[in-house]
PDB file of N, CA and C in Angstrom:
ATOM      1  N   UNK A   1     -73.345 101.128  64.287  1.00  0.00           N
ATOM      2  CA  UNK A   1     -72.824 101.410  65.614  1.00  0.00           C
ATOM      3  C   UNK A   1     -73.906 102.070  66.467  1.00  0.00           C
ATOM      4  N   UNK A   2     -73.884 101.726  67.709  1.00  0.00           N
ATOM      5  CA  UNK A   2     -74.804 102.292  68.688  1.00  0.00           C
ATOM      6  C   UNK A   2     -74.018 103.239  69.582  1.00  0.00           C
ATOM      7  N   UNK A   3     -74.589 104.392  69.857  1.00  0.00           N
ATOM      8  CA  UNK A   3     -73.922 105.380  70.702  1.00  0.00           C
ATOM      9  C   UNK A   3     -74.359 105.194  72.151  1.00  0.00           C
ATOM     10  N   UNK A   4     -73.373 105.127  73.032  1.00  0.00           N
ATOM     11  CA  UNK A   4     -73.608 104.980  74.460  1.00  0.00           C
ATOM     12  C   UNK A   4     -72.826 106.075  75.172  1.00  0.00           C
ATOM     13  N   UNK A   5     -73.440 106.688  76.161  1.00  0.00           N
ATOM     14  CA  UNK A   5     -72.730 107.668  76.984  1.00  0.00           C
ATOM     15  C   UNK A   5     -72.430 107.035  78.324  1.00  0.00           C
ATOM     16  N   UNK A   6     -71.167 107.093  78.711  1.00  0.00           N
ATOM     17  CA  UNK A   6     -70.713 106.533  79.976  1.00  0.00           C
ATOM     18  C   UNK A   6     -70.229 107.684  80.855  1.00  0.00           C
ATOM     19  N   UNK A   7     -70.759 107.722  82.075  1.00  0.00           N
ATOM     20  CA  UNK A   7     -70.337 108.727  83.047  1.00  0.00           C
ATOM     21  C   UNK A   7     -69.307 108.056  83.950  1.00  0.00           C
ATOM     22  N   UNK A   8     -68.107 108.605  83.974  1.00  0.00           N
ATOM     23  CA  UNK A   8     -67.060 108.037  84.817  1.00  0.00           C
ATOM     24  C   UNK A   8     -67.248 108.503  86.260  1.00  0.00           C
ATOM     25  N   UNK A   9     -66.489 107.938  87.155  1.00  0.00           N
ATOM     26  CA  UNK A   9     -66.643 108.253  88.582  1.00  0.00           C
ATOM     27  C   UNK A   9     -66.365 109.718  88.895  1.00  0.00           C
ATOM     28  N   UNK A  10     -65.561 110.376  88.081  1.00  0.00           N
ATOM     29  CA  UNK A  10     -65.288 111.799  88.322  1.00  0.00           C
ATOM     30  C   UNK A  10     -66.323 112.710  87.672  1.00  0.00           C
ATOM     31  N   UNK A  11     -67.354 112.116  87.067  1.00  0.00           N
ATOM     32  CA  UNK A  11     -68.429 112.891  86.444  1.00  0.00           C
ATOM     33  C   UNK A  11     -68.214 113.191  84.972  1.00  0.00           C
ATOM     34  N   UNK A  12     -67.086 112.784  84.424  1.00  0.00           N
ATOM     35  CA  UNK A  12     -66.819 113.018  83.003  1.00  0.00           C
ATOM     36  C   UNK A  12     -67.730 112.176  82.121  1.00  0.00           C
ATOM     37  N   UNK A  13     -68.163 112.754  81.016  1.00  0.00           N
ATOM     38  CA  UNK A  13     -69.022 112.044  80.064  1.00  0.00           C
ATOM     39  C   UNK A  13     -68.194 111.587  78.873  1.00  0.00           C
ATOM     40  N   UNK A  14     -68.387 110.334  78.510  1.00  0.00           N
ATOM     41  CA  UNK A  14     -67.651 109.738  77.403  1.00  0.00           C
ATOM     42  C   UNK A  14     -68.659 109.123  76.439  1.00  0.00           C
ATOM     43  N   UNK A  15     -68.683 109.629  75.215  1.00  0.00           N
ATOM     44  CA  UNK A  15     -69.586 109.071  74.212  1.00  0.00           C
ATOM     45  C   UNK A  15     -68.842 108.007  73.423  1.00  0.00           C
ATOM     46  N   UNK A  16     -69.397 106.807  73.431  1.00  0.00           N
ATOM     47  CA  UNK A  16     -68.752 105.675  72.786  1.00  0.00           C
ATOM     48  C   UNK A  16     -69.558 105.199  71.596  1.00  0.00           C
ATOM     49  N   UNK A  17     -68.863 104.722  70.590  1.00  0.00           N
ATOM     50  CA  UNK A  17     -69.482 104.014  69.482  1.00  0.00           C
ATOM     51  C   UNK A  17     -69.292 102.539  69.786  1.00  0.00           C
ATOM     52  N   UNK A  18     -70.389 101.833  70.054  1.00  0.00           N
ATOM     53  CA  UNK A  18     -70.317 100.431  70.461  1.00  0.00           C
ATOM     54  C   UNK A  18     -70.873  99.534  69.371  1.00  0.00           C
ATOM     55  N   UNK A  19     -70.138  98.506  69.009  1.00  0.00           N
ATOM     56  CA  UNK A  19     -70.638  97.566  68.001  1.00  0.00           C
ATOM     57  C   UNK A  19     -71.830  96.775  68.525  1.00  0.00           C
ATOM     58  N   UNK A  20     -72.853  96.630  67.716  1.00  0.00           N
ATOM     59  CA  UNK A  20     -74.017  95.843  68.087  1.00  0.00           C
ATOM     60  C   UNK A  20     -73.604  94.396  68.334  1.00  0.00           C
ATOM     61  N   UNK A  21     -74.212  93.791  69.339  1.00  0.00           N
ATOM     62  CA  UNK A  21     -73.906  92.418  69.701  1.00  0.00           C
ATOM     63  C   UNK A  21     -72.832  92.292  70.765  1.00  0.00           C
ATOM     64  N   UNK A  22     -72.117  93.363  71.028  1.00  0.00           N
ATOM     65  CA  UNK A  22     -71.066  93.380  72.041  1.00  0.00           C
ATOM     66  C   UNK A  22     -71.688  93.765  73.381  1.00  0.00           C
ATOM     67  N   UNK A  23     -71.063  93.426  74.482  1.00  0.00           N
ATOM     68  CA  UNK A  23     -71.577  93.865  75.778  1.00  0.00           C
ATOM     69  C   UNK A  23     -71.183  95.321  76.029  1.00  0.00           C
ATOM     70  N   UNK A  24     -71.964  95.980  76.850  1.00  0.00           N
ATOM     71  CA  UNK A  24     -71.629  97.348  77.252  1.00  0.00           C
ATOM     72  C   UNK A  24     -70.276  97.342  77.952  1.00  0.00           C
ATOM     73  N   UNK A  25     -69.995  96.322  78.743  1.00  0.00           N
ATOM     74  CA  UNK A  25     -68.702  96.198  79.410  1.00  0.00           C
ATOM     75  C   UNK A  25     -67.551  96.219  78.405  1.00  0.00           C
ATOM     76  N   UNK A  26     -67.665  95.429  77.350  1.00  0.00           N
ATOM     77  CA  UNK A  26     -66.612  95.384  76.334  1.00  0.00           C
ATOM     78  C   UNK A  26     -66.428  96.734  75.664  1.00  0.00           C
ATOM     79  N   UNK A  27     -67.525  97.401  75.374  1.00  0.00           N
ATOM     80  CA  UNK A  27     -67.441  98.721  74.741  1.00  0.00           C
ATOM     81  C   UNK A  27     -66.718  99.721  75.642  1.00  0.00           C
ATOM     82  N   UNK A  28     -67.011  99.663  76.929  1.00  0.00           N
ATOM     83  CA  UNK A  28     -66.366 100.582  77.873  1.00  0.00           C
ATOM     84  C   UNK A  28     -64.872 100.278  77.961  1.00  0.00           C
ATOM     85  N   UNK A  29     -64.528  99.024  78.100  1.00  0.00           N
ATOM     86  CA  UNK A  29     -63.108  98.660  78.201  1.00  0.00           C
ATOM     87  C   UNK A  29     -62.369  98.954  76.904  1.00  0.00           C
ATOM     88  N   UNK A  30     -62.993  98.677  75.756  1.00  0.00           N
ATOM     89  CA  UNK A  30     -62.347  98.937  74.469  1.00  0.00           C
ATOM     90  C   UNK A  30     -62.102 100.424  74.263  1.00  0.00           C
ATOM     91  N   UNK A  31     -62.911 101.261  74.914  1.00  0.00           N
ATOM     92  CA  UNK A  31     -62.738 102.714  74.812  1.00  0.00           C
ATOM     93  C   UNK A  31     -61.625 103.210  75.734  1.00  0.00           C
ATOM     94  N   UNK A  32     -61.059 102.311  76.543  1.00  0.00           N
ATOM     95  CA  UNK A  32     -59.949 102.699  77.402  1.00  0.00           C
ATOM     96  C   UNK A  32     -60.344 103.265  78.747  1.00  0.00           C
ATOM     97  N   UNK A  33     -61.599 103.099  79.142  1.00  0.00           N
ATOM     98  CA  UNK A  33     -62.033 103.585  80.455  1.00  0.00           C
ATOM     99  C   UNK A  33     -61.656 102.532  81.494  1.00  0.00           C
ATOM    100  N   UNK A  34     -60.525 102.731  82.124  1.00  0.00           N
ATOM    101  CA  UNK A  34     -59.954 101.729  83.025  1.00  0.00           C
ATOM    102  C   UNK A  34     -60.643 101.643  84.375  1.00  0.00           C
ATOM    103  N   UNK A  35     -61.572 102.537  84.668  1.00  0.00           N
ATOM    104  CA  UNK A  35     -62.291 102.474  85.943  1.00  0.00           C
ATOM    105  C   UNK A  35     -63.098 101.192  86.062  1.00  0.00           C
ATOM    106  N   UNK A  36     -63.513 100.650  84.974  1.00  0.00           N
ATOM    107  CA  UNK A  36     -64.336  99.449  84.960  1.00  0.00           C
ATOM    108  C   UNK A  36     -63.398  98.243  84.918  1.00  0.00           C
ATOM    109  N   UNK A  37     -63.207  97.597  86.062  1.00  0.00           N
ATOM    110  CA  UNK A  37     -62.225  96.517  86.144  1.00  0.00           C
ATOM    111  C   UNK A  37     -62.626  95.277  85.363  1.00  0.00           C
ATOM    112  N   UNK A  38     -63.868  94.846  85.492  1.00  0.00           N
ATOM    113  CA  UNK A  38     -64.369  93.665  84.771  1.00  0.00           C
ATOM    114  C   UNK A  38     -63.407  92.489  84.905  1.00  0.00           C
ATOM    115  N   UNK A  39     -63.098  92.157  86.129  1.00  0.00           N
ATOM    116  CA  UNK A  39     -62.086  91.137  86.414  1.00  0.00           C
ATOM    117  C   UNK A  39     -62.398  89.768  85.837  1.00  0.00           C
ATOM    118  N   UNK A  40     -63.675  89.404  85.757  1.00  0.00           N
ATOM    119  CA  UNK A  40     -64.020  88.067  85.247  1.00  0.00           C
ATOM    120  C   UNK A  40     -64.132  88.048  83.730  1.00  0.00           C
ATOM    121  N   UNK A  41     -63.952  89.187  83.093  1.00  0.00           N
ATOM    122  CA  UNK A  41     -63.979  89.235  81.637  1.00  0.00           C
ATOM    123  C   UNK A  41     -65.344  89.087  81.015  1.00  0.00           C
ATOM    124  N   UNK A  42     -66.392  89.247  81.812  1.00  0.00           N
ATOM    125  CA  UNK A  42     -67.745  89.199  81.257  1.00  0.00           C
ATOM    126  C   UNK A  42     -68.471  87.901  81.487  1.00  0.00           C
ATOM    127  N   UNK A  43     -68.011  87.084  82.410  1.00  0.00           N
ATOM    128  CA  UNK A  43     -68.659  85.795  82.643  1.00  0.00           C
ATOM    129  C   UNK A  43     -69.681  85.827  83.776  1.00  0.00           C
ATOM    130  N   UNK A  44     -70.033  87.012  84.233  1.00  0.00           N
ATOM    131  CA  UNK A  44     -71.044  87.189  85.279  1.00  0.00           C
ATOM    132  C   UNK A  44     -70.674  86.415  86.545  1.00  0.00           C
ATOM    133  N   UNK A  45     -69.400  86.559  86.949  1.00  0.00           N
ATOM    134  CA  UNK A  45     -68.972  85.879  88.165  1.00  0.00           C
ATOM    135  C   UNK A  45     -68.312  86.832  89.156  1.00  0.00           C
ATOM    136  N   UNK A  46     -68.389  88.127  88.886  1.00  0.00           N
ATOM    137  CA  UNK A  46     -67.928  89.146  89.826  1.00  0.00           C
ATOM    138  C   UNK A  46     -68.855  90.351  89.623  1.00  0.00           C
ATOM    139  N   UNK A  47     -68.616  91.408  90.324  1.00  0.00           N
ATOM    140  CA  UNK A  47     -69.456  92.599  90.131  1.00  0.00           C
ATOM    141  C   UNK A  47     -68.601  93.825  89.841  1.00  0.00           C
ATOM    142  N   UNK A  48     -67.435  93.598  89.256  1.00  0.00           N
ATOM    143  CA  UNK A  48     -66.525  94.717  89.017  1.00  0.00           C
ATOM    144  C   UNK A  48     -66.826  95.483  87.730  1.00  0.00           C
ATOM    145  N   UNK A  49     -67.925  95.139  87.066  1.00  0.00           N
ATOM    146  CA  UNK A  49     -68.375  95.928  85.904  1.00  0.00           C
ATOM    147  C   UNK A  49     -69.730  96.573  86.212  1.00  0.00           C
ATOM    148  N   UNK A  50     -69.998  96.742  87.496  1.00  0.00           N
ATOM    149  CA  UNK A  50     -71.262  97.325  87.974  1.00  0.00           C
ATOM    150  C   UNK A  50     -71.430  98.734  87.404  1.00  0.00           C
ATOM    151  N   UNK A  51     -72.608  98.978  86.862  1.00  0.00           N
ATOM    152  CA  UNK A  51     -72.953 100.318  86.390  1.00  0.00           C
ATOM    153  C   UNK A  51     -74.376 100.637  86.831  1.00  0.00           C
ATOM    154  N   UNK A  52     -74.689 101.902  86.802  1.00  0.00           N
ATOM    155  CA  UNK A  52     -76.029 102.387  87.121  1.00  0.00           C
ATOM    156  C   UNK A  52     -76.642 102.884  85.813  1.00  0.00           C
ATOM    157  N   UNK A  53     -77.766 102.305  85.445  1.00  0.00           N
ATOM    158  CA  UNK A  53     -78.443 102.681  84.206  1.00  0.00           C
ATOM    159  C   UNK A  53     -79.257 103.945  84.466  1.00  0.00           C
ATOM    160  N   UNK A  54     -79.193 104.890  83.531  1.00  0.00           N
ATOM    161  CA  UNK A  54     -79.934 106.130  83.657  1.00  0.00           C
ATOM    162  C   UNK A  54     -81.425 105.824  83.740  1.00  0.00           C
ATOM    163  N   UNK A  55     -82.114 106.617  84.573  1.00  0.00           N
ATOM    164  CA  UNK A  55     -83.544 106.385  84.824  1.00  0.00           C
ATOM    165  C   UNK A  55     -84.369 106.293  83.540  1.00  0.00           C
ATOM    166  N   UNK A  56     -84.016 107.049  82.531  1.00  0.00           N
ATOM    167  CA  UNK A  56     -84.770 107.024  81.272  1.00  0.00           C
ATOM    168  C   UNK A  56     -84.633 105.683  80.545  1.00  0.00           C
ATOM    169  N   UNK A  57     -83.657 104.867  80.932  1.00  0.00           N
ATOM    170  CA  UNK A  57     -83.382 103.612  80.234  1.00  0.00           C
ATOM    171  C   UNK A  57     -83.694 102.363  81.052  1.00  0.00           C
ATOM    172  N   UNK A  58     -83.988 102.497  82.328  1.00  0.00           N
ATOM    173  CA  UNK A  58     -84.177 101.311  83.166  1.00  0.00           C
ATOM    174  C   UNK A  58     -85.328 100.428  82.673  1.00  0.00           C
ATOM    175  N   UNK A  59     -86.380 101.022  82.176  1.00  0.00           N
ATOM    176  CA  UNK A  59     -87.504 100.231  81.657  1.00  0.00           C
ATOM    177  C   UNK A  59     -87.133  99.426  80.433  1.00  0.00           C
ATOM    178  N   UNK A  60     -86.284  99.978  79.582  1.00  0.00           N
ATOM    179  CA  UNK A  60     -85.875  99.270  78.369  1.00  0.00           C
ATOM    180  C   UNK A  60     -84.872  98.161  78.675  1.00  0.00           C
ATOM    181  N   UNK A  61     -83.994  98.416  79.627  1.00  0.00           N
ATOM    182  CA  UNK A  61     -82.960  97.447  79.974  1.00  0.00           C
ATOM    183  C   UNK A  61     -83.531  96.351  80.864  1.00  0.00           C
ATOM    184  N   UNK A  62     -84.396  96.736  81.791  1.00  0.00           N
ATOM    185  CA  UNK A  62     -84.969  95.779  82.735  1.00  0.00           C
ATOM    186  C   UNK A  62     -84.054  95.568  83.926  1.00  0.00           C
ATOM    187  N   UNK A  63     -84.585  94.937  84.957  1.00  0.00           N
ATOM    188  CA  UNK A  63     -83.804  94.729  86.168  1.00  0.00           C
ATOM    189  C   UNK A  63     -82.881  93.515  86.049  1.00  0.00           C
ATOM    190  N   UNK A  64     -81.892  93.488  86.920  1.00  0.00           N
ATOM    191  CA  UNK A  64     -81.021  92.318  87.016  1.00  0.00           C
ATOM    192  C   UNK A  64     -81.820  91.166  87.624  1.00  0.00           C
ATOM    193  N   UNK A  65     -81.475  89.953  87.231  1.00  0.00           N
ATOM    194  CA  UNK A  65     -82.106  88.789  87.855  1.00  0.00           C
ATOM    195  C   UNK A  65     -81.092  87.654  87.938  1.00  0.00           C
ATOM    196  N   UNK A  66     -81.448  86.579  88.590  1.00  0.00           N
ATOM    197  CA  UNK A  66     -80.587  85.406  88.685  1.00  0.00           C
ATOM    198  C   UNK A  66     -79.241  85.715  89.303  1.00  0.00           C
ATOM    199  N   UNK A  67     -78.189  85.156  88.701  1.00  0.00           N
ATOM    200  CA  UNK A  67     -76.831  85.326  89.212  1.00  0.00           C
ATOM    201  C   UNK A  67     -76.420  86.794  89.252  1.00  0.00           C
ATOM    202  N   UNK A  68     -76.843  87.549  88.254  1.00  0.00           N
ATOM    203  CA  UNK A  68     -76.497  88.968  88.212  1.00  0.00           C
ATOM    204  C   UNK A  68     -77.050  89.688  89.441  1.00  0.00           C
ATOM    205  N   UNK A  69     -78.305  89.463  89.764  1.00  0.00           N
ATOM    206  CA  UNK A  69     -78.922  90.092  90.934  1.00  0.00           C
ATOM    207  C   UNK A  69     -78.217  89.660  92.216  1.00  0.00           C
ATOM    208  N   UNK A  70     -77.853  88.381  92.294  1.00  0.00           N
ATOM    209  CA  UNK A  70     -77.144  87.884  93.474  1.00  0.00           C
ATOM    210  C   UNK A  70     -75.806  88.591  93.653  1.00  0.00           C
ATOM    211  N   UNK A  71     -75.077  88.781  92.575  1.00  0.00           N
ATOM    212  CA  UNK A  71     -73.785  89.459  92.654  1.00  0.00           C
ATOM    213  C   UNK A  71     -73.939  90.919  93.063  1.00  0.00           C
ATOM    214  N   UNK A  72     -74.962  91.578  92.529  1.00  0.00           N
ATOM    215  CA  UNK A  72     -75.171  92.993  92.843  1.00  0.00           C
ATOM    216  C   UNK A  72     -75.600  93.209  94.287  1.00  0.00           C
ATOM    217  N   UNK A  73     -76.254  92.230  94.890  1.00  0.00           N
ATOM    218  CA  UNK A  73     -76.697  92.363  96.279  1.00  0.00           C
ATOM    219  C   UNK A  73     -75.541  92.647  97.226  1.00  0.00           C
ATOM    220  N   UNK A  74     -74.359  92.184  96.897  1.00  0.00           N
ATOM    221  CA  UNK A  74     -73.193  92.397  97.747  1.00  0.00           C
ATOM    222  C   UNK A  74     -72.549  93.761  97.599  1.00  0.00           C
ATOM    223  N   UNK A  75     -73.035  94.578  96.694  1.00  0.00           N
ATOM    224  CA  UNK A  75     -72.447  95.896  96.462  1.00  0.00           C
ATOM    225  C   UNK A  75     -73.072  96.947  97.367  1.00  0.00           C
ATOM    226  N   UNK A  76     -72.239  97.783  97.941  1.00  0.00           N
ATOM    227  CA  UNK A  76     -72.743  98.857  98.805  1.00  0.00           C
ATOM    228  C   UNK A  76     -73.473  99.931  98.014  1.00  0.00           C
ATOM    229  N   UNK A  77     -73.282  99.965  96.704  1.00  0.00           N
ATOM    230  CA  UNK A  77     -73.958 100.967  95.871  1.00  0.00           C
ATOM    231  C   UNK A  77     -75.064 100.352  95.017  1.00  0.00           C
ATOM    232  N   UNK A  78     -75.536  99.172  95.389  1.00  0.00           N
ATOM    233  CA  UNK A  78     -76.618  98.520  94.655  1.00  0.00           C
ATOM    234  C   UNK A  78     -77.888  99.364  94.714  1.00  0.00           C
ATOM    235  N   UNK A  79     -78.566  99.456  93.595  1.00  0.00           N
ATOM    236  CA  UNK A  79     -79.828 100.196  93.508  1.00  0.00           C
ATOM    237  C   UNK A  79     -80.721  99.495  92.497  1.00  0.00           C
ATOM    238  N   UNK A  80     -81.988  99.867  92.416  1.00  0.00           N
ATOM    239  CA  UNK A  80     -82.863  99.251  91.396  1.00  0.00           C
ATOM    240  C   UNK A  80     -82.366  99.466  89.966  1.00  0.00           C
ATOM    241  N   UNK A  81     -81.526 100.474  89.759  1.00  0.00           N
ATOM    242  CA  UNK A  81     -80.995 100.759  88.422  1.00  0.00           C
ATOM    243  C   UNK A  81     -79.632 100.103  88.183  1.00  0.00           C
ATOM    244  N   UNK A  82     -79.161  99.314  89.144  1.00  0.00           N
ATOM    245  CA  UNK A  82     -77.867  98.651  89.016  1.00  0.00           C
ATOM    246  C   UNK A  82     -77.938  97.493  88.024  1.00  0.00           C
ATOM    247  N   UNK A  83     -76.909  97.385  87.225  1.00  0.00           N
ATOM    248  CA  UNK A  83     -76.742  96.258  86.307  1.00  0.00           C
ATOM    249  C   UNK A  83     -75.265  95.962  86.179  1.00  0.00           C
ATOM    250  N   UNK A  84     -74.954  94.746  85.802  1.00  0.00           N
ATOM    251  CA  UNK A  84     -73.592  94.411  85.415  1.00  0.00           C
ATOM    252  C   UNK A  84     -73.494  94.708  83.927  1.00  0.00           C
ATOM    253  N   UNK A  85     -72.545  95.539  83.559  1.00  0.00           N
ATOM    254  CA  UNK A  85     -72.463  95.955  82.155  1.00  0.00           C
ATOM    255  C   UNK A  85     -72.136  94.792  81.226  1.00  0.00           C
ATOM    256  N   UNK A  86     -71.601  93.699  81.769  1.00  0.00           N
ATOM    257  CA  UNK A  86     -71.336  92.522  80.928  1.00  0.00           C
ATOM    258  C   UNK A  86     -72.625  91.812  80.535  1.00  0.00           C
ATOM    259  N   UNK A  87     -73.718  92.135  81.200  1.00  0.00           N
ATOM    260  CA  UNK A  87     -74.994  91.473  80.935  1.00  0.00           C
ATOM    261  C   UNK A  87     -75.936  92.319  80.077  1.00  0.00           C
ATOM    262  N   UNK A  88     -75.461  93.463  79.611  1.00  0.00           N
ATOM    263  CA  UNK A  88     -76.253  94.320  78.726  1.00  0.00           C
ATOM    264  C   UNK A  88     -75.645  94.221  77.335  1.00  0.00           C
ATOM    265  N   UNK A  89     -76.421  93.716  76.387  1.00  0.00           N
ATOM    266  CA  UNK A  89     -75.943  93.555  75.019  1.00  0.00           C
ATOM    267  C   UNK A  89     -76.316  94.779  74.197  1.00  0.00           C
ATOM    268  N   UNK A  90     -75.338  95.336  73.525  1.00  0.00           N
ATOM    269  CA  UNK A  90     -75.554  96.511  72.683  1.00  0.00           C
ATOM    270  C   UNK A  90     -76.415  96.124  71.483  1.00  0.00           C
ATOM    271  N   UNK A  91     -77.419  96.955  71.217  1.00  0.00           N
ATOM    272  CA  UNK A  91     -78.275  96.773  70.044  1.00  0.00           C
ATOM    273  C   UNK A  91     -78.760  98.145  69.603  1.00  0.00           C
ATOM    274  N   UNK A  92     -79.262  98.266  68.388  1.00  0.00           N
ATOM    275  CA  UNK A  92     -79.765  99.562  67.926  1.00  0.00           C
ATOM    276  C   UNK A  92     -80.847 100.149  68.840  1.00  0.00           C
ATOM    277  N   UNK A  93     -81.590  99.289  69.537  1.00  0.00           N
ATOM    278  CA  UNK A  93     -82.612  99.774  70.468  1.00  0.00           C
ATOM    279  C   UNK A  93     -82.011 100.557  71.634  1.00  0.00           C
ATOM    280  N   UNK A  94     -80.721 100.386  71.867  1.00  0.00           N
ATOM    281  CA  UNK A  94     -80.069 101.064  72.991  1.00  0.00           C
ATOM    282  C   UNK A  94     -79.298 102.306  72.562  1.00  0.00           C
ATOM    283  N   UNK A  95     -79.509 102.757  71.333  1.00  0.00           N
ATOM    284  CA  UNK A  95     -78.815 103.963  70.869  1.00  0.00           C
ATOM    285  C   UNK A  95     -79.177 105.133  71.780  1.00  0.00           C
ATOM    286  N   UNK A  96     -78.165 105.739  72.387  1.00  0.00           N
ATOM    287  CA  UNK A  96     -78.370 106.846  73.305  1.00  0.00           C
ATOM    288  C   UNK A  96     -78.331 106.439  74.780  1.00  0.00           C
ATOM    289  N   UNK A  97     -78.146 105.135  75.057  1.00  0.00           N
ATOM    290  CA  UNK A  97     -78.078 104.639  76.427  1.00  0.00           C
ATOM    291  C   UNK A  97     -77.058 105.432  77.236  1.00  0.00           C
ATOM    292  N   UNK A  98     -77.425 105.709  78.496  1.00  0.00           N
ATOM    293  CA  UNK A  98     -76.513 106.383  79.438  1.00  0.00           C
ATOM    294  C   UNK A  98     -76.345 105.505  80.665  1.00  0.00           C
ATOM    295  N   UNK A  99     -75.101 105.253  81.018  1.00  0.00           N
ATOM    296  CA  UNK A  99     -74.794 104.498  82.228  1.00  0.00           C
ATOM    297  C   UNK A  99     -73.695 105.222  82.990  1.00  0.00           C
ATOM    298  N   UNK A 100     -73.704 105.024  84.297  1.00  0.00           N
ATOM    299  CA  UNK A 100     -72.664 105.587  85.167  1.00  0.00           C
ATOM    300  C   UNK A 100     -71.896 104.436  85.783  1.00  0.00           C
ATOM    301  N   UNK A 101     -70.595 104.519  85.756  1.00  0.00           N
ATOM    302  CA  UNK A 101     -69.773 103.494  86.398  1.00  0.00           C
ATOM    303  C   UNK A 101     -69.978 103.626  87.910  1.00  0.00           C
ATOM    304  N   UNK A 102     -70.352 102.532  88.540  1.00  0.00           N
ATOM    305  CA  UNK A 102     -70.661 102.546  89.976  1.00  0.00           C
ATOM    306  C   UNK A 102     -69.394 102.772  90.793  1.00  0.00           C
ATOM    307  N   UNK A 103     -69.569 103.322  91.998  1.00  0.00           N
ATOM    308  CA  UNK A 103     -68.404 103.480  92.877  1.00  0.00           C
ATOM    309  C   UNK A 103     -67.771 102.117  93.148  1.00  0.00           C
ATOM    310  N   UNK A 104     -66.462 102.129  93.335  1.00  0.00           N
ATOM    311  CA  UNK A 104     -65.755 100.893  93.619  1.00  0.00           C
ATOM    312  C   UNK A 104     -66.049 100.441  95.044  1.00  0.00           C
ATOM    313  N   UNK A 105     -66.362  99.155  95.206  1.00  0.00           N
ATOM    314  CA  UNK A 105     -66.634  98.607  96.544  1.00  0.00           C
ATOM    315  C   UNK A 105     -65.346  98.271  97.251  1.00  0.00           C
TER     316      UNK A 105
END
C-alpha cells in the first residue's frame, strides 16, 4: 500500500492507504471523501476530480498534457500543479504524495 495525504477543501488532512495500480481519484473516493465528484468515473472527460499536487511532488508527477490539460484549462483554479486525480496512478514511488482537492468550479 502507498500512503497518500489528501487535503480537503476545509483544510482537513486525510491519510489514505491506496492500492498500487489504482488511480488517486479512486483512492480518494474509496476513502469516502465526497468532495471529489469524479462524475465521469475516471475516463478523463470532465474535470471534477481536479486536485493540486504539492510542490514537493510536481516534478515526480509531471504536468498535465493532452486531453487532461485541455480539461484543466477551463477551471478557474487551474495552476501548473493542477492534475486530474484520475490520471495519476498510485505506485510505491508516490508513497507520501500530498494533494489538495481543488475548489469546485
